[in-house]
Amino acid sequence: NYVVGRTLAEARKALDERRLEQRAE
């Protein structure tokens, strides 16, 4: 859900920004 259309570095940044939501999912 996060990598499509992004580089690895951009995907990592997007994941970091959603860390709280990650814990719930």
PDB file of all heavy atoms in Angstrom:
ATOM      1  N   ASN A   1       0.813  -1.222   0.000  1.00  0.00           N
ATOM      2  CA  ASN A   1       0.000   0.000   0.000  1.00  0.00           C
ATOM      3  C   ASN A   1       0.843   1.267   0.000  1.00  0.00           C
ATOM      4  O   ASN A   1       0.339   2.341  -0.334  1.00  0.00           O
ATOM      5  CB  ASN A   1      -0.920   0.020   1.233  1.00  0.00           C
ATOM      6  CG  ASN A   1      -1.973  -1.069   1.176  1.00  0.00           C
ATOM      7  OD1 ASN A   1      -2.460  -1.407   0.106  1.00  0.00           O
ATOM      8  ND2 ASN A   1      -2.304  -1.637   2.326  1.00  0.00           N
ATOM      9  N   TYR A   2       2.112   1.134   0.380  1.00  0.00           N
ATOM     10  CA  TYR A   2       2.954   2.325   0.531  1.00  0.00           C
ATOM     11  C   TYR A   2       4.024   2.480  -0.535  1.00  0.00           C
ATOM     12  O   TYR A   2       4.517   3.582  -0.764  1.00  0.00           O
ATOM     13  CB  TYR A   2       3.621   2.312   1.910  1.00  0.00           C
ATOM     14  CG  TYR A   2       2.642   2.548   3.028  1.00  0.00           C
ATOM     15  CD1 TYR A   2       2.014   1.482   3.650  1.00  0.00           C
ATOM     16  CD2 TYR A   2       2.312   3.838   3.427  1.00  0.00           C
ATOM     17  CE1 TYR A   2       1.088   1.693   4.659  1.00  0.00           C
ATOM     18  CE2 TYR A   2       1.392   4.062   4.428  1.00  0.00           C
ATOM     19  CZ  TYR A   2       0.780   2.983   5.042  1.00  0.00           C
ATOM     20  OH  TYR A   2      -0.141   3.207   6.028  1.00  0.00           O
ATOM     21  N   VAL A   3       4.391   1.375  -1.175  1.00  0.00           N
ATOM     22  CA  VAL A   3       5.515   1.467  -2.094  1.00  0.00           C
ATOM     23  C   VAL A   3       5.124   1.885  -3.503  1.00  0.00           C
ATOM     24  O   VAL A   3       5.947   2.426  -4.235  1.00  0.00           O
ATOM     25  CB  VAL A   3       6.297   0.134  -2.169  1.00  0.00           C
ATOM     26  CG1 VAL A   3       6.823  -0.260  -0.800  1.00  0.00           C
ATOM     27  CG2 VAL A   3       5.452  -0.972  -2.777  1.00  0.00           C
ATOM     28  N   VAL A   4       3.902   1.623  -3.904  1.00  0.00           N
ATOM     29  CA  VAL A   4       3.506   1.885  -5.288  1.00  0.00           C
ATOM     30  C   VAL A   4       3.668   3.372  -5.609  1.00  0.00           C
ATOM     31  O   VAL A   4       3.119   4.241  -4.931  1.00  0.00           O
ATOM     32  CB  VAL A   4       2.050   1.445  -5.544  1.00  0.00           C
ATOM     33  CG1 VAL A   4       1.625   1.845  -6.960  1.00  0.00           C
ATOM     34  CG2 VAL A   4       1.918  -0.054  -5.349  1.00  0.00           C
ATOM     35  N   GLY A   5       4.477   3.636  -6.639  1.00  0.00           N
ATOM     36  CA  GLY A   5       4.699   5.012  -7.054  1.00  0.00           C
ATOM     37  C   GLY A   5       5.725   5.753  -6.211  1.00  0.00           C
ATOM     38  O   GLY A   5       5.926   6.958  -6.391  1.00  0.00           O
ATOM     39  N   ARG A   6       6.382   5.035  -5.282  1.00  0.00           N
ATOM     40  CA  ARG A   6       7.378   5.660  -4.417  1.00  0.00           C
ATOM     41  C   ARG A   6       8.710   4.931  -4.522  1.00  0.00           C
ATOM     42  O   ARG A   6       8.777   3.766  -4.893  1.00  0.00           O
ATOM     43  CB  ARG A   6       6.931   5.632  -2.944  1.00  0.00           C
ATOM     44  CG  ARG A   6       5.736   6.512  -2.611  1.00  0.00           C
ATOM     45  CD  ARG A   6       5.486   6.461  -1.109  1.00  0.00           C
ATOM     46  NE  ARG A   6       4.505   7.453  -0.670  1.00  0.00           N
ATOM     47  CZ  ARG A   6       3.331   7.160  -0.123  1.00  0.00           C
ATOM     48  NH1 ARG A   6       2.981   5.894   0.049  1.00  0.00           N
ATOM     49  NH2 ARG A   6       2.506   8.121   0.253  1.00  0.00           N
ATOM     50  N   THR A   7       9.788   5.624  -4.155  1.00  0.00           N
ATOM     51  CA  THR A   7      11.068   4.966  -3.957  1.00  0.00           C
ATOM     52  C   THR A   7      11.064   4.339  -2.565  1.00  0.00           C
ATOM     53  O   THR A   7      10.165   4.600  -1.749  1.00  0.00           O
ATOM     54  CB  THR A   7      12.233   5.957  -4.063  1.00  0.00           C
ATOM     55  OG1 THR A   7      12.142   6.898  -2.980  1.00  0.00           O
ATOM     56  CG2 THR A   7      12.196   6.717  -5.393  1.00  0.00           C
ATOM     57  N   LEU A   8      12.087   3.529  -2.280  1.00  0.00           N
ATOM     58  CA  LEU A   8      12.173   2.926  -0.950  1.00  0.00           C
ATOM     59  C   LEU A   8      12.274   3.990   0.140  1.00  0.00           C
ATOM     60  O   LEU A   8      11.630   3.894   1.186  1.00  0.00           O
ATOM     61  CB  LEU A   8      13.391   1.998  -0.878  1.00  0.00           C
ATOM     62  CG  LEU A   8      13.238   0.627  -1.551  1.00  0.00           C
ATOM     63  CD1 LEU A   8      14.590  -0.072  -1.620  1.00  0.00           C
ATOM     64  CD2 LEU A   8      12.224  -0.236  -0.798  1.00  0.00           C
ATOM     65  N   ALA A   9      13.083   5.033  -0.119  1.00  0.00           N
ATOM     66  CA  ALA A   9      13.245   6.089   0.873  1.00  0.00           C
ATOM     67  C   ALA A   9      11.930   6.821   1.107  1.00  0.00           C
ATOM     68  O   ALA A   9      11.575   7.153   2.248  1.00  0.00           O
ATOM     69  CB  ALA A   9      14.326   7.065   0.429  1.00  0.00           C
ATOM     70  N   GLU A  10      11.180   7.065   0.044  1.00  0.00           N
ATOM     71  CA  GLU A  10       9.883   7.743   0.190  1.00  0.00           C
ATOM     72  C   GLU A  10       8.886   6.856   0.912  1.00  0.00           C
ATOM     73  O   GLU A  10       8.079   7.335   1.727  1.00  0.00           O
ATOM     74  CB  GLU A  10       9.358   8.131  -1.193  1.00  0.00           C
ATOM     75  CG  GLU A  10      10.176   9.233  -1.863  1.00  0.00           C
ATOM     76  CD  GLU A  10       9.843   9.400  -3.332  1.00  0.00           C
ATOM     77  OE1 GLU A  10       9.162   8.516  -3.903  1.00  0.00           O
ATOM     78  OE2 GLU A  10      10.283  10.416  -3.921  1.00  0.00           O
ATOM     79  N   ALA A  11       8.917   5.543   0.637  1.00  0.00           N
ATOM     80  CA  ALA A  11       8.020   4.617   1.322  1.00  0.00           C
ATOM     81  C   ALA A  11       8.343   4.564   2.822  1.00  0.00           C
ATOM     82  O   ALA A  11       7.444   4.540   3.665  1.00  0.00           O
ATOM     83  CB  ALA A  11       8.134   3.226   0.705  1.00  0.00           C
ATOM     84  N   ARG A  12       9.638   4.568   3.131  1.00  0.00           N
ATOM     85  CA  ARG A  12      10.030   4.551   4.547  1.00  0.00           C
ATOM     86  C   ARG A  12       9.526   5.802   5.263  1.00  0.00           C
ATOM     87  O   ARG A  12       9.036   5.726   6.394  1.00  0.00           O
ATOM     88  CB  ARG A  12      11.555   4.460   4.657  1.00  0.00           C
ATOM     89  CG  ARG A  12      12.046   4.360   6.090  1.00  0.00           C
ATOM     90  CD  ARG A  12      13.559   4.301   6.136  1.00  0.00           C
ATOM     91  NE  ARG A  12      14.039   4.063   7.486  1.00  0.00           N
ATOM     92  CZ  ARG A  12      15.321   4.009   7.815  1.00  0.00           C
ATOM     93  NH1 ARG A  12      16.247   4.172   6.892  1.00  0.00           N
ATOM     94  NH2 ARG A  12      15.682   3.792   9.057  1.00  0.00           N
ATOM     95  N   LYS A  13       9.633   6.952   4.615  1.00  0.00           N
ATOM     96  CA  LYS A  13       9.158   8.196   5.218  1.00  0.00           C
ATOM     97  C   LYS A  13       7.649   8.141   5.443  1.00  0.00           C
ATOM     98  O   LYS A  13       7.148   8.556   6.505  1.00  0.00           O
ATOM     99  CB  LYS A  13       9.519   9.368   4.305  1.00  0.00           C
ATOM    100  CG  LYS A  13       9.093  10.726   4.855  1.00  0.00           C
ATOM    101  CD  LYS A  13       9.504  11.847   3.916  1.00  0.00           C
ATOM    102  CE  LYS A  13       9.039  13.199   4.461  1.00  0.00           C
ATOM    103  NZ  LYS A  13       9.406  14.305   3.526  1.00  0.00           N
ATOM    104  N   ALA A  14       6.917   7.618   4.450  1.00  0.00           N
ATOM    105  CA  ALA A  14       5.461   7.514   4.592  1.00  0.00           C
ATOM    106  C   ALA A  14       5.089   6.590   5.732  1.00  0.00           C
ATOM    107  O   ALA A  14       4.138   6.850   6.487  1.00  0.00           O
ATOM    108  CB  ALA A  14       4.849   7.029   3.277  1.00  0.00           C
ATOM    109  N   LEU A  15       5.827   5.503   5.892  1.00  0.00           N
ATOM    110  CA  LEU A  15       5.555   4.563   6.990  1.00  0.00           C
ATOM    111  C   LEU A  15       5.848   5.209   8.340  1.00  0.00           C
ATOM    112  O   LEU A  15       5.100   5.012   9.310  1.00  0.00           O
ATOM    113  CB  LEU A  15       6.390   3.294   6.815  1.00  0.00           C
ATOM    114  CG  LEU A  15       5.930   2.346   5.704  1.00  0.00           C
ATOM    115  CD1 LEU A  15       7.000   1.315   5.406  1.00  0.00           C
ATOM    116  CD2 LEU A  15       4.623   1.657   6.109  1.00  0.00           C
ATOM    117  N   ASP A  16       6.931   5.961   8.420  1.00  0.00           N
ATOM    118  CA  ASP A  16       7.261   6.644   9.671  1.00  0.00           C
ATOM    119  C   ASP A  16       6.166   7.619  10.081  1.00  0.00           C
ATOM    120  O   ASP A  16       5.861   7.778  11.271  1.00  0.00           O
ATOM    121  CB  ASP A  16       8.598   7.393   9.532  1.00  0.00           C
ATOM    122  CG  ASP A  16       9.791   6.455   9.503  1.00  0.00           C
ATOM    123  OD1 ASP A  16       9.626   5.296   9.925  1.00  0.00           O
ATOM    124  OD2 ASP A  16      10.866   6.883   9.060  1.00  0.00           O
ATOM    125  N   GLU A  17       5.570   8.267   9.088  1.00  0.00           N
ATOM    126  CA  GLU A  17       4.517   9.231   9.389  1.00  0.00           C
ATOM    127  C   GLU A  17       3.236   8.562   9.873  1.00  0.00           C
ATOM    128  O   GLU A  17       2.391   9.212  10.497  1.00  0.00           O
ATOM    129  CB  GLU A  17       4.224  10.077   8.141  1.00  0.00           C
ATOM    130  CG  GLU A  17       5.375  11.020   7.769  1.00  0.00           C
ATOM    131  CD  GLU A  17       5.172  11.697   6.430  1.00  0.00           C
ATOM    132  OE1 GLU A  17       4.214  11.306   5.708  1.00  0.00           O
ATOM    133  OE2 GLU A  17       5.968  12.605   6.088  1.00  0.00           O
ATOM    134  N   ARG A  18       3.091   7.268   9.613  1.00  0.00           N
ATOM    135  CA  ARG A  18       1.874   6.555  10.027  1.00  0.00           C
ATOM    136  C   ARG A  18       2.182   5.512  11.104  1.00  0.00           C
ATOM    137  O   ARG A  18       1.481   4.506  11.226  1.00  0.00           O
ATOM    138  CB  ARG A  18       1.255   5.857   8.817  1.00  0.00           C
ATOM    139  CG  ARG A  18       0.636   6.823   7.817  1.00  0.00           C
ATOM    140  CD  ARG A  18      -0.370   6.121   6.948  1.00  0.00           C
ATOM    141  NE  ARG A  18      -1.431   5.515   7.745  1.00  0.00           N
ATOM    142  CZ  ARG A  18      -2.350   4.690   7.248  1.00  0.00           C
ATOM    143  NH1 ARG A  18      -2.341   4.374   5.981  1.00  0.00           N
ATOM    144  NH2 ARG A  18      -3.284   4.171   8.037  1.00  0.00           N
ATOM    145  N   ARG A  19       3.197   5.766  11.904  1.00  0.00           N
ATOM    146  CA  ARG A  19       3.615   4.766  12.881  1.00  0.00           C
ATOM    147  C   ARG A  19       2.511   4.428  13.882  1.00  0.00           C
ATOM    148  O   ARG A  19       2.314   3.272  14.253  1.00  0.00           O
ATOM    149  CB  ARG A  19       4.863   5.258  13.619  1.00  0.00           C
ATOM    150  CG  ARG A  19       5.464   4.234  14.567  1.00  0.00           C
ATOM    151  CD  ARG A  19       6.880   4.613  14.940  1.00  0.00           C
ATOM    152  NE  ARG A  19       7.750   4.671  13.779  1.00  0.00           N
ATOM    153  CZ  ARG A  19       8.294   3.596  13.227  1.00  0.00           C
ATOM    154  NH1 ARG A  19       8.048   2.404  13.714  1.00  0.00           N
ATOM    155  NH2 ARG A  19       9.072   3.715  12.173  1.00  0.00           N
ATOM    156  N   LEU A  20       1.768   5.408  14.352  1.00  0.00           N
ATOM    157  CA  LEU A  20       0.694   5.145  15.315  1.00  0.00           C
ATOM    158  C   LEU A  20      -0.388   4.269  14.707  1.00  0.00           C
ATOM    159  O   LEU A  20      -0.918   3.356  15.365  1.00  0.00           O
ATOM    160  CB  LEU A  20       0.095   6.471  15.806  1.00  0.00           C
ATOM    161  CG  LEU A  20       1.009   7.321  16.691  1.00  0.00           C
ATOM    162  CD1 LEU A  20       0.330   8.647  17.038  1.00  0.00           C
ATOM    163  CD2 LEU A  20       1.373   6.557  17.966  1.00  0.00           C
ATOM    164  N   GLU A  21      -0.720   4.512  13.453  1.00  0.00           N
ATOM    165  CA  GLU A  21      -1.739   3.695  12.796  1.00  0.00           C
ATOM    166  C   GLU A  21      -1.234   2.274  12.567  1.00  0.00           C
ATOM    167  O   GLU A  21      -2.009   1.318  12.606  1.00  0.00           O
ATOM    168  CB  GLU A  21      -2.126   4.340  11.466  1.00  0.00           C
ATOM    169  CG  GLU A  21      -2.787   5.711  11.653  1.00  0.00           C
ATOM    170  CD  GLU A  21      -2.849   6.486  10.355  1.00  0.00           C
ATOM    171  OE1 GLU A  21      -2.569   5.894   9.296  1.00  0.00           O
ATOM    172  OE2 GLU A  21      -3.170   7.677  10.411  1.00  0.00           O
ATOM    173  N   GLN A  22       0.103   2.142  12.338  1.00  0.00           N
ATOM    174  CA  GLN A  22       0.681   0.819  12.166  1.00  0.00           C
ATOM    175  C   GLN A  22       0.423  -0.057  13.381  1.00  0.00           C
ATOM    176  O   GLN A  22       0.078  -1.237  13.261  1.00  0.00           O
ATOM    177  CB  GLN A  22       2.205   0.940  11.982  1.00  0.00           C
ATOM    178  CG  GLN A  22       2.671   1.009  10.540  1.00  0.00           C
ATOM    179  CD  GLN A  22       4.176   1.017  10.473  1.00  0.00           C
ATOM    180  OE1 GLN A  22       4.770   2.049  10.239  1.00  0.00           O
ATOM    181  NE2 GLN A  22       4.802  -0.110  10.677  1.00  0.00           N
ATOM    182  N   ARG A  23       0.580   0.522  14.549  1.00  0.00           N
ATOM    183  CA  ARG A  23       0.430  -0.266  15.783  1.00  0.00           C
ATOM    184  C   ARG A  23      -0.974  -0.833  15.920  1.00  0.00           C
ATOM    185  O   ARG A  23      -1.171  -1.899  16.501  1.00  0.00           O
ATOM    186  CB  ARG A  23       0.757   0.610  16.990  1.00  0.00           C
ATOM    187  CG  ARG A  23       2.238   0.950  17.084  1.00  0.00           C
ATOM    188  CD  ARG A  23       2.533   1.897  18.214  1.00  0.00           C
ATOM    189  NE  ARG A  23       3.941   2.274  18.237  1.00  0.00           N
ATOM    190  CZ  ARG A  23       4.413   3.346  18.819  1.00  0.00           C
ATOM    191  NH1 ARG A  23       3.589   4.172  19.437  1.00  0.00           N
ATOM    192  NH2 ARG A  23       5.697   3.600  18.795  1.00  0.00           N
ATOM    193  N   ALA A  24      -1.940  -0.125  15.372  1.00  0.00           N
ATOM    194  CA  ALA A  24      -3.313  -0.605  15.457  1.00  0.00           C
ATOM    195  C   ALA A  24      -3.598  -1.679  14.408  1.00  0.00           C
ATOM    196  O   ALA A  24      -4.493  -2.506  14.592  1.00  0.00           O
ATOM    197  CB  ALA A  24      -4.284   0.563  15.275  1.00  0.00           C
ATOM    198  N   GLU A  25      -2.839  -1.683  13.305  1.00  0.00           N
ATOM    199  CA  GLU A  25      -3.135  -2.592  12.203  1.00  0.00           C
ATOM    200  C   GLU A  25      -2.260  -3.847  12.204  1.00  0.00           C
ATOM    201  O   GLU A  25      -2.656  -4.874  11.644  1.00  0.00           O
ATOM    202  CB  GLU A  25      -2.939  -1.854  10.868  1.00  0.00           C
ATOM    203  CG  GLU A  25      -3.882  -0.679  10.666  1.00  0.00           C
ATOM    204  CD  GLU A  25      -3.610   0.041   9.352  1.00  0.00           C
ATOM    205  OE1 GLU A  25      -3.318  -0.652   8.365  1.00  0.00           O
ATOM    206  OE2 GLU A  25      -3.691   1.275   9.323  1.00  0.00           O
TER     207      GLU A  25
END
